[in-house]
Amino acid sequence: MITNANITIVSRIFDEETREDKYIAKVIKGVSWYADFKASIGESGLKSGDIYKVRIPLDEDINIKVSKGDIVVRGDIEITESDTPKTIMKDREAFIVTSFSINARGSLKHIRVFGT
């Protein structure tokens, strides 16, 4: 697998103490990042958007958890307690995870992450 990027996965967790959502970030180095622009014409007019596909090599030394709704940002970023999904994604190449799968067979084991 050819790797061309580092990413940061931002996951939402519920803090029982404060009873609020918080966000945690995990940087993963050496992934395959692919983005494609799609457009279609329907009854309501032109619809367009970016489609993202990221492949994260599975390595015994890396503990990775991906869930629907997580935010994937291209590059290494840090977040603060005051960050929201909107501020995390602003002015960055980023997407929200819509699906993922684990390919644990063969010689190129990886997690496939899709989003828009």
C-alpha atoms as a PDB file:
ATOM      1  CA  MET A   1       0.000   0.000   0.000  1.00  0.00           C
ATOM      2  CA  ILE A   2       1.342   3.411  -0.944  1.00  0.00           C
ATOM      3  CA  THR A   3       1.009   5.855   1.926  1.00  0.00           C
ATOM      4  CA  ASN A   4       0.737   9.562   1.231  1.00  0.00           C
ATOM      5  CA  ALA A   5      -0.559  11.262   4.376  1.00  0.00           C
ATOM      6  CA  ASN A   6      -0.846  11.481   8.112  1.00  0.00           C
ATOM      7  CA  ILE A   7      -4.293  11.872   9.650  1.00  0.00           C
ATOM      8  CA  THR A   8      -5.896  12.804  12.927  1.00  0.00           C
ATOM      9  CA  ILE A   9      -9.002  10.915  14.031  1.00  0.00           C
ATOM     10  CA  VAL A  10     -11.200  13.003  16.322  1.00  0.00           C
ATOM     11  CA  SER A  11     -13.677  10.980  18.382  1.00  0.00           C
ATOM     12  CA  ARG A  12     -16.514  12.189  20.572  1.00  0.00           C
ATOM     13  CA  ILE A  13     -16.722  10.816  24.089  1.00  0.00           C
ATOM     14  CA  PHE A  14     -19.285  11.528  26.795  1.00  0.00           C
ATOM     15  CA  ASP A  15     -17.783  12.818  30.040  1.00  0.00           C
ATOM     16  CA  GLU A  16     -19.851  11.344  32.884  1.00  0.00           C
ATOM     17  CA  GLU A  17     -18.511  13.924  35.350  1.00  0.00           C
ATOM     18  CA  THR A  18     -19.412  17.052  33.394  1.00  0.00           C
ATOM     19  CA  ARG A  19     -22.268  15.376  31.481  1.00  0.00           C
ATOM     20  CA  GLU A  20     -20.963  16.918  28.254  1.00  0.00           C
ATOM     21  CA  ASP A  21     -19.458  15.654  25.027  1.00  0.00           C
ATOM     22  CA  LYS A  22     -15.707  16.018  24.687  1.00  0.00           C
ATOM     23  CA  TYR A  23     -13.414  15.314  21.772  1.00  0.00           C
ATOM     24  CA  ILE A  24     -10.152  13.381  21.739  1.00  0.00           C
ATOM     25  CA  ALA A  25      -7.647  13.312  18.901  1.00  0.00           C
ATOM     26  CA  LYS A  26      -5.318  10.533  17.782  1.00  0.00           C
ATOM     27  CA  VAL A  27      -2.660  11.115  15.112  1.00  0.00           C
ATOM     28  CA  ILE A  28      -1.949   8.206  12.767  1.00  0.00           C
ATOM     29  CA  LYS A  29       1.065   8.379  10.503  1.00  0.00           C
ATOM     30  CA  GLY A  30       1.446   6.688   7.116  1.00  0.00           C
ATOM     31  CA  VAL A  31      -2.026   6.198   5.636  1.00  0.00           C
ATOM     32  CA  SER A  32      -3.387   6.174   2.097  1.00  0.00           C
ATOM     33  CA  TRP A  33      -5.605   9.250   1.514  1.00  0.00           C
ATOM     34  CA  TYR A  34      -7.861   9.554  -1.551  1.00  0.00           C
ATOM     35  CA  ALA A  35     -10.415  12.291  -2.278  1.00  0.00           C
ATOM     36  CA  ASP A  36     -12.785  12.485  -5.239  1.00  0.00           C
ATOM     37  CA  PHE A  37     -15.284  15.163  -6.270  1.00  0.00           C
ATOM     38  CA  LYS A  38     -18.693  13.881  -7.357  1.00  0.00           C
ATOM     39  CA  ALA A  39     -21.589  15.743  -8.961  1.00  0.00           C
ATOM     40  CA  SER A  40     -25.043  14.721 -10.159  1.00  0.00           C
ATOM     41  CA  ILE A  41     -28.141  16.419 -11.505  1.00  0.00           C
ATOM     42  CA  GLY A  42     -31.463  15.493  -9.965  1.00  0.00           C
ATOM     43  CA  GLU A  43     -34.979  16.891  -9.701  1.00  0.00           C
ATOM     44  CA  SER A  44     -33.831  19.479  -7.173  1.00  0.00           C
ATOM     45  CA  GLY A  45     -30.848  20.598  -9.245  1.00  0.00           C
ATOM     46  CA  LEU A  46     -27.120  20.039  -9.093  1.00  0.00           C
ATOM     47  CA  LYS A  47     -25.745  18.156  -6.109  1.00  0.00           C
ATOM     48  CA  SER A  48     -22.042  17.875  -5.474  1.00  0.00           C
ATOM     49  CA  GLY A  49     -19.651  16.852  -2.766  1.00  0.00           C
ATOM     50  CA  ASP A  50     -16.348  15.308  -1.904  1.00  0.00           C
ATOM     51  CA  ILE A  51     -15.972  11.585  -1.275  1.00  0.00           C
ATOM     52  CA  TYR A  52     -13.057  10.485   0.905  1.00  0.00           C
ATOM     53  CA  LYS A  53     -11.435   7.066   1.209  1.00  0.00           C
ATOM     54  CA  VAL A  54      -8.653   6.438   3.708  1.00  0.00           C
ATOM     55  CA  ARG A  55      -6.830   3.168   4.232  1.00  0.00           C
ATOM     56  CA  ILE A  56      -5.046   2.758   7.560  1.00  0.00           C
ATOM     57  CA  PRO A  57      -2.511  -0.094   7.620  1.00  0.00           C
ATOM     58  CA  LEU A  58      -3.179  -2.519  10.470  1.00  0.00           C
ATOM     59  CA  ASP A  59      -0.158  -2.846  12.690  1.00  0.00           C
ATOM     60  CA  GLU A  60       0.050  -4.804  15.934  1.00  0.00           C
ATOM     61  CA  ASP A  61       1.685  -1.790  17.592  1.00  0.00           C
ATOM     62  CA  ILE A  62      -1.145   0.610  16.737  1.00  0.00           C
ATOM     63  CA  ASN A  63      -4.448   0.619  18.625  1.00  0.00           C
ATOM     64  CA  ILE A  64      -6.998   2.257  16.326  1.00  0.00           C
ATOM     65  CA  LYS A  65     -10.708   2.686  16.928  1.00  0.00           C
ATOM     66  CA  VAL A  66     -12.904   4.234  14.242  1.00  0.00           C
ATOM     67  CA  SER A  67     -16.641   4.874  14.590  1.00  0.00           C
ATOM     68  CA  LYS A  68     -19.354   6.386  12.422  1.00  0.00           C
ATOM     69  CA  GLY A  69     -19.499  10.105  13.129  1.00  0.00           C
ATOM     70  CA  ASP A  70     -15.783  10.456  13.897  1.00  0.00           C
ATOM     71  CA  ILE A  71     -13.956  13.283  12.152  1.00  0.00           C
ATOM     72  CA  VAL A  72     -10.892  12.482  10.047  1.00  0.00           C
ATOM     73  CA  VAL A  73      -8.547  15.392   9.350  1.00  0.00           C
ATOM     74  CA  ARG A  74      -5.643  15.246   6.917  1.00  0.00           C
ATOM     75  CA  GLY A  75      -2.455  16.084   8.803  1.00  0.00           C
ATOM     76  CA  ASP A  76      -1.361  16.237  12.424  1.00  0.00           C
ATOM     77  CA  ILE A  77      -3.581  18.542  14.473  1.00  0.00           C
ATOM     78  CA  GLU A  78      -4.147  19.266  18.131  1.00  0.00           C
ATOM     79  CA  ILE A  79      -7.526  20.140  19.562  1.00  0.00           C
ATOM     80  CA  THR A  80      -8.603  22.091  22.632  1.00  0.00           C
ATOM     81  CA  GLU A  81     -11.490  21.576  25.037  1.00  0.00           C
ATOM     82  CA  SER A  82     -13.411  24.399  23.377  1.00  0.00           C
ATOM     83  CA  ASP A  83     -13.217  22.851  19.890  1.00  0.00           C
ATOM     84  CA  THR A  84     -16.423  21.709  18.214  1.00  0.00           C
ATOM     85  CA  PRO A  85     -16.815  19.632  15.041  1.00  0.00           C
ATOM     86  CA  LYS A  86     -17.348  22.876  13.119  1.00  0.00           C
ATOM     87  CA  THR A  87     -14.113  24.472  14.381  1.00  0.00           C
ATOM     88  CA  ILE A  88     -12.161  21.237  13.942  1.00  0.00           C
ATOM     89  CA  MET A  89     -13.182  20.941  10.277  1.00  0.00           C
ATOM     90  CA  LYS A  90     -12.973  24.641   9.395  1.00  0.00           C
ATOM     91  CA  ASP A  91     -10.337  25.436   6.754  1.00  0.00           C
ATOM     92  CA  ARG A  92      -9.028  21.851   6.808  1.00  0.00           C
ATOM     93  CA  GLU A  93      -9.276  18.891   4.488  1.00  0.00           C
ATOM     94  CA  ALA A  94     -11.560  16.796   6.677  1.00  0.00           C
ATOM     95  CA  PHE A  95     -14.613  14.556   6.600  1.00  0.00           C
ATOM     96  CA  ILE A  96     -17.103  12.795   8.838  1.00  0.00           C
ATOM     97  CA  VAL A  97     -16.911   8.993   8.842  1.00  0.00           C
ATOM     98  CA  THR A  98     -20.006   7.444   7.248  1.00  0.00           C
ATOM     99  CA  SER A  99     -18.733   3.861   7.117  1.00  0.00           C
ATOM    100  CA  PHE A 100     -15.678   1.731   7.691  1.00  0.00           C
ATOM    101  CA  SER A 101     -14.568  -1.854   7.298  1.00  0.00           C
ATOM    102  CA  ILE A 102     -11.653  -3.972   8.429  1.00  0.00           C
ATOM    103  CA  ASN A 103      -9.708  -5.946   5.852  1.00  0.00           C
ATOM    104  CA  ALA A 104      -7.834  -8.455   8.021  1.00  0.00           C
ATOM    105  CA  ARG A 105      -7.040 -10.952   5.247  1.00  0.00           C
ATOM    106  CA  GLY A 106      -4.184 -11.034   2.814  1.00  0.00           C
ATOM    107  CA  SER A 107      -0.851  -9.302   3.017  1.00  0.00           C
ATOM    108  CA  LEU A 108      -2.158  -5.700   3.120  1.00  0.00           C
ATOM    109  CA  LYS A 109      -4.285  -5.696   6.255  1.00  0.00           C
ATOM    110  CA  HIS A 110      -5.960  -2.335   6.788  1.00  0.00           C
ATOM    111  CA  ILE A 111      -8.979  -0.390   7.980  1.00  0.00           C
ATOM    112  CA  ARG A 112     -10.948   1.235   5.158  1.00  0.00           C
ATOM    113  CA  VAL A 113     -12.656   4.492   6.170  1.00  0.00           C
ATOM    114  CA  PHE A 114     -15.207   6.296   3.978  1.00  0.00           C
ATOM    115  CA  GLY A 115     -16.842   9.666   4.413  1.00  0.00           C
ATOM    116  CA  THR A 116     -18.136  12.905   2.983  1.00  0.00           C
END
